[in-house]
C-alpha cells in the first residue's frame, strides 16, 4: 500500500497558539490565553508561515506585558480573580 494518503495530509503550517481562552486584556490589548493581539488573531488564517513563525517567537516575551498592565476597573465590576492573583505575586 502506498503512503500517498499520508503525504496528502502533511502540511507545512505553523499551528495556532490558541488555548481557547479568548479574552483580550483591556490594558495590554493582548489575548490572555495566547498573547496575540486582536488583529493577529483575526488575520492568523491569512498569514503566511513566515509571519506566523515570527509571531510565535514573540509570544513568550508578551506574557509579562499582561502581568504589568494595570486592569481597567469599571464601576460595579470585579476584577478577574485569576488576573488579580497574577499581578500581586
Protein backbone atom coordinates (compact mmCIF):
# COMPACT_ATOMS: atom_id res chain seq x y z
CA UNK A 1 0.00 0.00 0.00
CA UNK A 2 1.25 3.49 -0.82
CA UNK A 3 2.00 6.23 1.69
CA UNK A 4 0.41 8.72 -0.68
CA UNK A 5 -2.53 9.28 1.68
CA UNK A 6 -0.21 10.39 4.48
CA UNK A 7 1.58 12.83 2.18
CA UNK A 8 -1.68 14.48 1.19
CA UNK A 9 -2.40 15.43 4.79
CA UNK A 10 1.09 16.71 5.64
CA UNK A 11 1.09 20.47 5.77
CA UNK A 12 3.90 22.90 6.38
CA UNK A 13 1.87 25.29 8.51
CA UNK A 14 2.54 26.84 11.86
CA UNK A 15 -0.04 25.70 14.41
CA UNK A 16 -2.17 28.28 16.15
CA UNK A 17 -1.11 29.18 19.71
CA UNK A 18 -4.79 29.41 20.70
CA UNK A 19 -5.60 27.73 24.03
CA UNK A 20 -9.31 28.65 23.85
CA UNK A 21 -9.08 31.40 26.49
CA UNK A 22 -10.14 34.20 24.17
CA UNK A 23 -10.21 37.26 26.39
CA UNK A 24 -8.40 40.44 25.37
CA UNK A 25 -6.78 42.24 28.29
CA UNK A 26 -8.15 45.80 28.19
CA UNK A 27 -4.84 47.42 29.15
CA UNK A 28 -2.31 45.30 27.28
CA UNK A 29 -4.61 44.68 24.28
CA UNK A 30 -3.39 41.06 24.19
CA UNK A 31 -5.30 37.81 24.47
CA UNK A 32 -4.85 36.47 27.99
CA UNK A 33 -4.67 32.92 26.63
CA UNK A 34 -2.28 33.07 23.68
CA UNK A 35 -0.83 36.60 23.98
CA UNK A 36 -1.68 37.60 20.40
CA UNK A 37 -3.26 40.93 19.52
CA UNK A 38 -6.83 41.02 18.26
CA UNK A 39 -5.55 41.86 14.78
CA UNK A 40 -3.17 38.89 14.81
CA UNK A 41 -5.98 36.57 15.87
CA UNK A 42 -8.25 37.87 13.11
CA UNK A 43 -5.56 37.60 10.42
CA UNK A 44 -3.98 34.28 11.55
CA UNK A 45 -5.64 32.13 8.88
CA UNK A 46 -4.49 34.52 6.14
CA UNK A 47 -0.86 34.88 7.31
CA UNK A 48 1.97 33.10 5.55
CA UNK A 49 4.06 30.61 7.58
CA UNK A 50 6.97 33.05 8.00
CA UNK A 51 4.74 35.71 9.56
CA UNK A 52 3.17 33.13 11.87
CA UNK A 53 6.59 31.89 13.00
CA UNK A 54 7.70 35.45 13.74
CA UNK A 55 4.65 35.99 15.95
CA UNK A 56 5.08 32.61 17.65
CA UNK A 57 8.68 33.56 18.51
CA UNK A 58 7.49 36.84 20.09
CA UNK A 59 4.72 35.34 22.25
CA UNK A 60 6.85 34.31 25.28
CA UNK A 61 8.04 37.92 25.63
CA UNK A 62 4.46 39.20 25.70
CA UNK A 63 3.19 37.30 28.75
CA UNK A 64 4.87 39.70 31.24
CA UNK A 65 3.14 42.63 29.49
CA UNK A 66 -0.21 41.32 30.70
CA UNK A 67 1.03 40.97 34.27
CA UNK A 68 2.43 44.53 34.21
CA UNK A 69 -0.63 46.15 32.65
CA UNK A 70 -2.99 47.51 35.27
CA UNK A 71 -6.53 46.20 34.98
CA UNK A 72 -9.10 48.75 33.92
CA UNK A 73 -11.80 48.89 36.58
CA UNK A 74 -15.32 49.88 35.77
CA UNK A 75 -17.79 50.83 38.47
CA UNK A 76 -19.72 47.81 39.69
CA UNK A 77 -17.36 45.22 38.18
CA UNK A 78 -14.96 42.89 39.92
CA UNK A 79 -11.52 42.03 38.59
CA UNK A 80 -10.82 38.62 37.17
CA UNK A 81 -9.54 36.65 40.19
CA UNK A 82 -7.01 34.79 38.07
CA UNK A 83 -5.60 38.04 36.76
CA UNK A 84 -5.65 39.76 40.15
CA UNK A 85 -3.71 36.90 41.71
CA UNK A 86 -1.07 37.00 38.97
CA UNK A 87 -0.47 40.73 39.34
CA UNK A 88 0.01 40.62 43.12
CA UNK A 89 2.75 37.99 43.08
